[in-house]
Every structure is written in structure tokens, then in C-alpha cells.
PDB file of N, CA and C in Angstrom:
ATOM      1  N   MET A   1     114.756  20.701  48.421  1.00  0.00           N
ATOM      2  CA  MET A   1     113.873  20.159  49.673  1.00  0.00           C
ATOM      3  C   MET A   1     113.322  21.091  50.552  1.00  0.00           C
ATOM      4  N   PRO A   2     112.094  21.477  50.704  1.00  0.00           N
ATOM      5  CA  PRO A   2     111.658  22.473  51.623  1.00  0.00           C
ATOM      6  C   PRO A   2     112.088  21.999  53.072  1.00  0.00           C
ATOM      7  N   LYS A   3     112.345  22.963  53.888  1.00  0.00           N
ATOM      8  CA  LYS A   3     112.620  22.715  55.338  1.00  0.00           C
ATOM      9  C   LYS A   3     111.389  22.147  56.094  1.00  0.00           C
ATOM     10  N   LEU A   4     111.596  21.230  57.130  1.00  0.00           N
ATOM     11  CA  LEU A   4     110.556  20.825  57.964  1.00  0.00           C
ATOM     12  C   LEU A   4     110.019  22.059  58.794  1.00  0.00           C
ATOM     13  N   VAL A   5     108.991  21.953  59.287  1.00  0.00           N
ATOM     14  CA  VAL A   5     108.344  23.054  60.296  1.00  0.00           C
ATOM     15  C   VAL A   5     109.259  23.247  61.349  1.00  0.00           C
ATOM     16  N   SER A   6     109.702  22.121  62.016  1.00  0.00           N
ATOM     17  CA  SER A   6     110.635  22.254  62.941  1.00  0.00           C
ATOM     18  C   SER A   6     111.991  22.973  62.662  1.00  0.00           C
ATOM     19  N   GLU A   7     112.357  22.963  61.575  1.00  0.00           N
ATOM     20  CA  GLU A   7     113.591  23.686  61.105  1.00  0.00           C
ATOM     21  C   GLU A   7     113.316  25.116  60.897  1.00  0.00           C
ATOM     22  N   VAL A   8     112.141  25.416  60.382  1.00  0.00           N
ATOM     23  CA  VAL A   8     111.736  27.072  60.221  1.00  0.00           C
ATOM     24  C   VAL A   8     111.614  27.544  61.673  1.00  0.00           C
ATOM     25  N   VAL A   9     111.000  26.884  62.518  1.00  0.00           N
ATOM     26  CA  VAL A   9     110.845  27.450  63.958  1.00  0.00           C
ATOM     27  C   VAL A   9     112.264  27.755  64.490  1.00  0.00           C
ATOM     28  N   LEU A  10     113.192  26.692  64.376  1.00  0.00           N
ATOM     29  CA  LEU A  10     114.732  26.859  64.910  1.00  0.00           C
ATOM     30  C   LEU A  10     115.287  28.168  64.223  1.00  0.00           C
ATOM     31  N   ASP A  11     115.105  28.276  62.916  1.00  0.00           N
ATOM     32  CA  ASP A  11     115.609  29.421  62.197  1.00  0.00           C
ATOM     33  C   ASP A  11     114.898  30.598  62.553  1.00  0.00           C
ATOM     34  N   ALA A  12     113.700  30.650  62.891  1.00  0.00           N
ATOM     35  CA  ALA A  12     112.974  31.862  63.370  1.00  0.00           C
ATOM     36  C   ALA A  12     113.553  32.315  64.716  1.00  0.00           C
ATOM     37  N   GLN A  13     113.652  31.352  65.679  1.00  0.00           N
ATOM     38  CA  GLN A  13     114.406  31.411  66.978  1.00  0.00           C
ATOM     39  C   GLN A  13     115.678  31.972  66.892  1.00  0.00           C
ATOM     40  N   THR A  14     116.511  31.587  65.984  1.00  0.00           N
ATOM     41  CA  THR A  14     118.003  32.028  65.747  1.00  0.00           C
ATOM     42  C   THR A  14     117.859  33.322  65.224  1.00  0.00           C
ATOM     43  N   LEU A  15     117.011  33.641  64.189  1.00  0.00           N
ATOM     44  CA  LEU A  15     117.100  34.884  63.754  1.00  0.00           C
ATOM     45  C   LEU A  15     116.635  36.103  64.723  1.00  0.00           C
ATOM     46  N   LEU A  16     115.534  35.956  65.513  1.00  0.00           N
ATOM     47  CA  LEU A  16     115.540  36.792  66.727  1.00  0.00           C
ATOM     48  C   LEU A  16     116.471  36.886  67.680  1.00  0.00           C
ATOM     49  N   ASN A  17     116.899  35.727  68.226  1.00  0.00           N
ATOM     50  CA  ASN A  17     118.006  35.787  69.103  1.00  0.00           C
ATOM     51  C   ASN A  17     119.320  36.396  68.604  1.00  0.00           C
ATOM     52  N   SER A  18     119.758  36.034  67.530  1.00  0.00           N
ATOM     53  CA  SER A  18     121.012  36.337  67.001  1.00  0.00           C
ATOM     54  C   SER A  18     121.030  37.998  66.789  1.00  0.00           C
ATOM     55  N   LYS A  19     119.926  38.461  66.568  1.00  0.00           N
ATOM     56  CA  LYS A  19     119.971  40.056  66.180  1.00  0.00           C
ATOM     57  C   LYS A  19     119.539  40.707  67.431  1.00  0.00           C
ATOM     58  N   GLY A  20     119.119  39.953  68.526  1.00  0.00           N
ATOM     59  CA  GLY A  20     118.680  40.632  69.861  1.00  0.00           C
ATOM     60  C   GLY A  20     117.321  41.336  69.607  1.00  0.00           C
ATOM     61  N   LEU A  21     116.588  40.775  68.798  1.00  0.00           N
ATOM     62  CA  LEU A  21     115.109  41.295  68.436  1.00  0.00           C
ATOM     63  C   LEU A  21     113.861  40.650  69.201  1.00  0.00           C
ATOM     64  N   ASN A  22     112.974  41.313  69.419  1.00  0.00           N
ATOM     65  CA  ASN A  22     111.870  40.889  70.012  1.00  0.00           C
ATOM     66  C   ASN A  22     110.798  40.503  69.106  1.00  0.00           C
ATOM     67  N   VAL A  23     110.877  41.208  67.952  1.00  0.00           N
ATOM     68  CA  VAL A  23     109.880  41.288  66.767  1.00  0.00           C
ATOM     69  C   VAL A  23     110.488  41.698  65.526  1.00  0.00           C
ATOM     70  N   VAL A  24     110.250  40.906  64.488  1.00  0.00           N
ATOM     71  CA  VAL A  24     110.724  41.252  63.114  1.00  0.00           C
ATOM     72  C   VAL A  24     109.687  41.094  62.132  1.00  0.00           C
ATOM     73  N   THR A  25     109.773  42.065  60.902  1.00  0.00           N
ATOM     74  CA  THR A  25     108.823  41.795  60.041  1.00  0.00           C
ATOM     75  C   THR A  25     109.668  41.373  58.830  1.00  0.00           C
ATOM     76  N   LEU A  26     109.023  40.408  58.001  1.00  0.00           N
ATOM     77  CA  LEU A  26     109.676  39.830  56.873  1.00  0.00           C
ATOM     78  C   LEU A  26     108.872  40.168  55.754  1.00  0.00           C
ATOM     79  N   THR A  27     109.279  40.462  54.602  1.00  0.00           N
ATOM     80  CA  THR A  27     108.397  40.398  53.321  1.00  0.00           C
ATOM     81  C   THR A  27     108.285  39.101  52.988  1.00  0.00           C
ATOM     82  N   TRP A  28     107.147  38.867  52.336  1.00  0.00           N
ATOM     83  CA  TRP A  28     106.892  37.517  51.768  1.00  0.00           C
ATOM     84  C   TRP A  28     108.083  36.996  51.075  1.00  0.00           C
ATOM     85  N   PRO A  29     108.732  37.434  50.170  1.00  0.00           N
ATOM     86  CA  PRO A  29     109.899  36.804  49.674  1.00  0.00           C
ATOM     87  C   PRO A  29     110.922  36.367  50.605  1.00  0.00           C
ATOM     88  N   GLU A  30     111.143  37.155  51.706  1.00  0.00           N
ATOM     89  CA  GLU A  30     112.017  36.800  52.774  1.00  0.00           C
ATOM     90  C   GLU A  30     111.500  35.697  53.606  1.00  0.00           C
ATOM     91  N   PHE A  31     110.272  35.727  53.797  1.00  0.00           N
ATOM     92  CA  PHE A  31     109.701  34.400  54.428  1.00  0.00           C
ATOM     93  C   PHE A  31     109.724  33.204  53.773  1.00  0.00           C
ATOM     94  N   TYR A  32     109.553  33.305  52.476  1.00  0.00           N
ATOM     95  CA  TYR A  32     109.796  32.261  51.429  1.00  0.00           C
ATOM     96  C   TYR A  32     111.177  31.746  51.609  1.00  0.00           C
ATOM     97  N   LYS A  33     111.912  32.586  51.591  1.00  0.00           N
ATOM     98  CA  LYS A  33     113.602  32.283  51.770  1.00  0.00           C
ATOM     99  C   LYS A  33     113.799  31.561  53.123  1.00  0.00           C
ATOM    100  N   LEU A  34     113.231  32.072  54.157  1.00  0.00           N
ATOM    101  CA  LEU A  34     113.492  31.663  55.447  1.00  0.00           C
ATOM    102  C   LEU A  34     112.942  30.120  55.625  1.00  0.00           C
ATOM    103  N   SER A  35     111.812  29.823  54.962  1.00  0.00           N
ATOM    104  CA  SER A  35     111.161  28.643  55.103  1.00  0.00           C
ATOM    105  C   SER A  35     111.630  27.599  53.980  1.00  0.00           C
ATOM    106  N   ASP A  36     112.515  28.202  53.097  1.00  0.00           N
ATOM    107  CA  ASP A  36     112.978  27.366  51.919  1.00  0.00           C
ATOM    108  C   ASP A  36     111.839  26.758  51.039  1.00  0.00           C
ATOM    109  N   ARG A  37     110.976  27.674  50.595  1.00  0.00           N
ATOM    110  CA  ARG A  37     109.775  27.130  49.990  1.00  0.00           C
ATOM    111  C   ARG A  37     109.507  27.990  48.748  1.00  0.00           C
ATOM    112  N   GLU A  38     108.911  27.415  47.844  1.00  0.00           N
ATOM    113  CA  GLU A  38     108.376  28.365  46.662  1.00  0.00           C
ATOM    114  C   GLU A  38     107.038  28.490  46.719  1.00  0.00           C
ATOM    115  N   ARG A  39     106.227  27.541  47.457  1.00  0.00           N
ATOM    116  CA  ARG A  39     104.774  27.902  47.813  1.00  0.00           C
ATOM    117  C   ARG A  39     104.523  27.554  49.158  1.00  0.00           C
ATOM    118  N   ILE A  40     103.556  28.029  49.737  1.00  0.00           N
ATOM    119  CA  ILE A  40     103.274  27.755  51.120  1.00  0.00           C
ATOM    120  C   ILE A  40     101.847  27.345  51.339  1.00  0.00           C
ATOM    121  N   LYS A  41     101.430  26.292  51.666  1.00  0.00           N
ATOM    122  CA  LYS A  41     100.077  25.772  51.886  1.00  0.00           C
ATOM    123  C   LYS A  41      99.547  25.883  53.155  1.00  0.00           C
ATOM    124  N   ASP A  42      98.234  26.184  53.477  1.00  0.00           N
ATOM    125  CA  ASP A  42      97.683  26.527  54.665  1.00  0.00           C
ATOM    126  C   ASP A  42      98.194  25.358  55.779  1.00  0.00           C
ATOM    127  N   GLU A  43      98.220  24.171  55.366  1.00  0.00           N
ATOM    128  CA  GLU A  43      98.572  23.140  56.383  1.00  0.00           C
ATOM    129  C   GLU A  43      99.902  23.331  56.868  1.00  0.00           C
ATOM    130  N   PHE A  44     101.002  23.983  56.049  1.00  0.00           N
ATOM    131  CA  PHE A  44     102.243  24.383  56.669  1.00  0.00           C
ATOM    132  C   PHE A  44     102.067  25.444  57.575  1.00  0.00           C
ATOM    133  N   MET A  45     101.328  26.538  57.193  1.00  0.00           N
ATOM    134  CA  MET A  45     101.124  27.568  58.109  1.00  0.00           C
ATOM    135  C   MET A  45     100.528  27.398  59.289  1.00  0.00           C
ATOM    136  N   SER A  46      99.482  26.458  59.211  1.00  0.00           N
ATOM    137  CA  SER A  46      98.852  26.053  60.563  1.00  0.00           C
ATOM    138  C   SER A  46      99.798  25.285  61.459  1.00  0.00           C
ATOM    139  N   LYS A  47     100.524  24.354  60.809  1.00  0.00           N
ATOM    140  CA  LYS A  47     101.506  23.578  61.812  1.00  0.00           C
ATOM    141  C   LYS A  47     102.730  24.525  62.258  1.00  0.00           C
ATOM    142  N   LEU A  48     102.935  25.467  61.522  1.00  0.00           N
ATOM    143  CA  LEU A  48     104.044  26.325  61.783  1.00  0.00           C
ATOM    144  C   LEU A  48     103.703  27.322  62.992  1.00  0.00           C
ATOM    145  N   SER A  49     102.451  27.751  62.888  1.00  0.00           N
ATOM    146  CA  SER A  49     101.875  28.645  63.872  1.00  0.00           C
ATOM    147  C   SER A  49     101.913  27.903  65.335  1.00  0.00           C
ATOM    148  N   LYS A  50     101.373  26.558  65.268  1.00  0.00           N
ATOM    149  CA  LYS A  50     101.234  25.719  66.340  1.00  0.00           C
ATOM    150  C   LYS A  50     102.642  25.395  67.000  1.00  0.00           C
ATOM    151  N   GLN A  51     103.607  25.025  66.301  1.00  0.00           N
ATOM    152  CA  GLN A  51     104.926  24.812  66.863  1.00  0.00           C
ATOM    153  C   GLN A  51     105.635  26.049  67.222  1.00  0.00           C
ATOM    154  N   LEU A  52     105.588  27.277  66.519  1.00  0.00           N
ATOM    155  CA  LEU A  52     105.961  28.646  67.036  1.00  0.00           C
ATOM    156  C   LEU A  52     105.345  28.663  68.436  1.00  0.00           C
ATOM    157  N   LYS A  53     104.194  28.633  68.580  1.00  0.00           N
ATOM    158  CA  LYS A  53     103.488  28.858  69.910  1.00  0.00           C
ATOM    159  C   LYS A  53     104.129  28.136  70.894  1.00  0.00           C
ATOM    160  N   ALA A  54     104.500  26.788  70.669  1.00  0.00           N
ATOM    161  CA  ALA A  54     104.971  26.022  71.751  1.00  0.00           C
ATOM    162  C   ALA A  54     106.282  26.365  72.060  1.00  0.00           C
ATOM    163  N   ALA A  55     106.956  27.093  71.137  1.00  0.00           N
ATOM    164  CA  ALA A  55     108.303  27.642  71.410  1.00  0.00           C
ATOM    165  C   ALA A  55     108.333  29.204  71.895  1.00  0.00           C
ATOM    166  N   SER A  56     106.979  29.543  72.264  1.00  0.00           N
ATOM    167  CA  SER A  56     106.905  30.817  72.769  1.00  0.00           C
ATOM    168  C   SER A  56     107.130  31.912  71.717  1.00  0.00           C
ATOM    169  N   LEU A  57     106.586  31.684  70.563  1.00  0.00           N
ATOM    170  CA  LEU A  57     107.019  32.705  69.494  1.00  0.00           C
ATOM    171  C   LEU A  57     105.432  32.888  68.777  1.00  0.00           C
ATOM    172  N   LEU A  58     105.127  33.928  68.293  1.00  0.00           N
ATOM    173  CA  LEU A  58     103.875  34.359  67.539  1.00  0.00           C
ATOM    174  C   LEU A  58     104.300  34.765  66.036  1.00  0.00           C
ATOM    175  N   ILE A  59     103.323  34.325  65.298  1.00  0.00           N
ATOM    176  CA  ILE A  59     103.380  34.659  63.761  1.00  0.00           C
ATOM    177  C   ILE A  59     102.047  35.321  63.319  1.00  0.00           C
ATOM    178  N   ALA A  60     102.240  36.266  62.498  1.00  0.00           N
ATOM    179  CA  ALA A  60     100.980  36.969  61.936  1.00  0.00           C
ATOM    180  C   ALA A  60     101.216  37.203  60.435  1.00  0.00           C
ATOM    181  N   TYR A  61     100.479  36.847  59.634  1.00  0.00           N
ATOM    182  CA  TYR A  61     100.439  36.827  58.305  1.00  0.00           C
ATOM    183  C   TYR A  61      99.621  38.147  57.671  1.00  0.00           C
ATOM    184  N   GLY A  62     100.476  39.083  57.053  1.00  0.00           N
ATOM    185  CA  GLY A  62      99.719  40.213  56.493  1.00  0.00           C
ATOM    186  C   GLY A  62      99.744  40.042  54.972  1.00  0.00           C
ATOM    187  N   ASN A  63      99.366  41.028  54.365  1.00  0.00           N
ATOM    188  CA  ASN A  63      99.202  41.169  52.783  1.00  0.00           C
ATOM    189  C   ASN A  63     100.635  41.370  52.347  1.00  0.00           C
ATOM    190  N   ALA A  64     101.435  42.271  52.792  1.00  0.00           N
ATOM    191  CA  ALA A  64     102.725  42.452  52.548  1.00  0.00           C
ATOM    192  C   ALA A  64     103.938  41.957  53.356  1.00  0.00           C
ATOM    193  N   THR A  65     103.668  41.660  54.594  1.00  0.00           N
ATOM    194  CA  THR A  65     104.712  41.032  55.543  1.00  0.00           C
ATOM    195  C   THR A  65     104.286  39.954  56.317  1.00  0.00           C
ATOM    196  N   VAL A  66     105.088  39.342  56.896  1.00  0.00           N
ATOM    197  CA  VAL A  66     104.913  38.298  57.870  1.00  0.00           C
ATOM    198  C   VAL A  66     105.727  38.780  59.234  1.00  0.00           C
ATOM    199  N   VAL A  67     104.924  38.872  60.354  1.00  0.00           N
ATOM    200  CA  VAL A  67     105.576  39.284  61.710  1.00  0.00           C
ATOM    201  C   VAL A  67     105.854  38.221  62.465  1.00  0.00           C
ATOM    202  N   LEU A  68     107.023  38.140  62.993  1.00  0.00           N
ATOM    203  CA  LEU A  68     107.578  37.076  63.981  1.00  0.00           C
ATOM    204  C   LEU A  68     107.817  37.785  65.154  1.00  0.00           C
ATOM    205  N   ALA A  69     107.491  37.315  66.431  1.00  0.00           N
ATOM    206  CA  ALA A  69     107.430  38.133  67.736  1.00  0.00           C
ATOM    207  C   ALA A  69     107.583  37.012  68.773  1.00  0.00           C
ATOM    208  N   LYS A  70     108.492  37.448  69.885  1.00  0.00           N
ATOM    209  CA  LYS A  70     108.501  36.724  71.016  1.00  0.00           C
ATOM    210  C   LYS A  70     107.294  36.869  71.931  1.00  0.00           C
ATOM    211  N   ASP A  71     106.795  35.747  72.448  1.00  0.00           N
ATOM    212  CA  ASP A  71     105.624  35.773  73.245  1.00  0.00           C
ATOM    213  C   ASP A  71     105.544  36.207  74.526  1.00  0.00           C
ATOM    214  N   TYR A  72     106.092  37.567  74.870  1.00  0.00           N
ATOM    215  CA  TYR A  72     106.043  38.057  76.229  1.00  0.00           C
ATOM    216  C   TYR A  72     105.884  39.663  76.047  1.00  0.00           C
ATOM    217  N   ASN A  73     105.658  40.272  77.083  1.00  0.00           N
ATOM    218  CA  ASN A  73     105.346  41.661  77.017  1.00  0.00           C
ATOM    219  C   ASN A  73     106.695  42.566  76.921  1.00  0.00           C
ATOM    220  N   PHE A  74     107.087  42.538  75.714  1.00  0.00           N
ATOM    221  CA  PHE A  74     108.501  43.375  75.619  1.00  0.00           C
ATOM    222  C   PHE A  74     108.288  44.731  75.406  1.00  0.00           C
ATOM    223  N   ALA A  75     107.140  45.095  75.333  1.00  0.00           N
ATOM    224  CA  ALA A  75     106.792  46.703  75.000  1.00  0.00           C
ATOM    225  C   ALA A  75     105.387  46.997  75.670  1.00  0.00           C
ATOM    226  N   PRO A  76     105.341  46.984  77.048  1.00  0.00           N
ATOM    227  CA  PRO A  76     104.273  47.358  77.771  1.00  0.00           C
ATOM    228  C   PRO A  76     103.735  48.874  77.556  1.00  0.00           C
ATOM    229  N   LEU A  77     102.503  49.074  77.655  1.00  0.00           N
ATOM    230  CA  LEU A  77     101.951  50.322  77.726  1.00  0.00           C
ATOM    231  C   LEU A  77     102.391  51.103  79.018  1.00  0.00           C
ATOM    232  N   PRO A  78     102.802  52.290  78.565  1.00  0.00           N
ATOM    233  CA  PRO A  78     103.279  53.068  79.828  1.00  0.00           C
ATOM    234  C   PRO A  78     102.071  53.302  80.900  1.00  0.00           C
ATOM    235  N   LYS A  79     102.300  53.255  82.131  1.00  0.00           N
ATOM    236  CA  LYS A  79     101.431  53.358  83.031  1.00  0.00           C
ATOM    237  C   LYS A  79     100.992  54.833  83.298  1.00  0.00           C
ATOM    238  N   LYS A  80      99.808  55.127  83.569  1.00  0.00           N
ATOM    239  CA  LYS A  80      99.238  56.522  83.663  1.00  0.00           C
ATOM    240  C   LYS A  80      99.625  57.049  85.107  1.00  0.00           C
TER     241      LYS A  80
END
């Protein structure tokens, strides 16, 4: 049975926090494994984005990877 969106959000938080990371890139197969799904529909991705945002996490979907990041300025530009 696929994980609920709330479970994927918890797993994403745990992944970042347990490794002490601010951002992580996952290949699509790794993302499918994290979400415990064989297919991912647009509706799931939309709900996941909203719930991650509520948890102060960002998600970006690329062609080769999925990026998960904490929503704060962890890598500011150097001041001139």
C-alpha cells in the first residue's frame, strides 16, 4: 500500500534531519522508494508540495532528480 502524503513528509523530514542536511537530491527511483509508490500522479505531487511547504520544506521535480530542501537561507550569497 502506498504511503500517505503525511507519511512521505515525515520521511523527508527524517531523511534531512538524520543526515544533518539542508538539501538532498534523489534520483526518481529513490523518490519512488521514499514514497513507496510505483506510479506518482499529479494529484499526489500537488498534495505533497503543499504539505511539505507547511512543514517548511521545498520540493522541486527535475527530469533526472527530485530536490528536497529546508525552507530557510542555509546558503546565503556572500556579501560584497
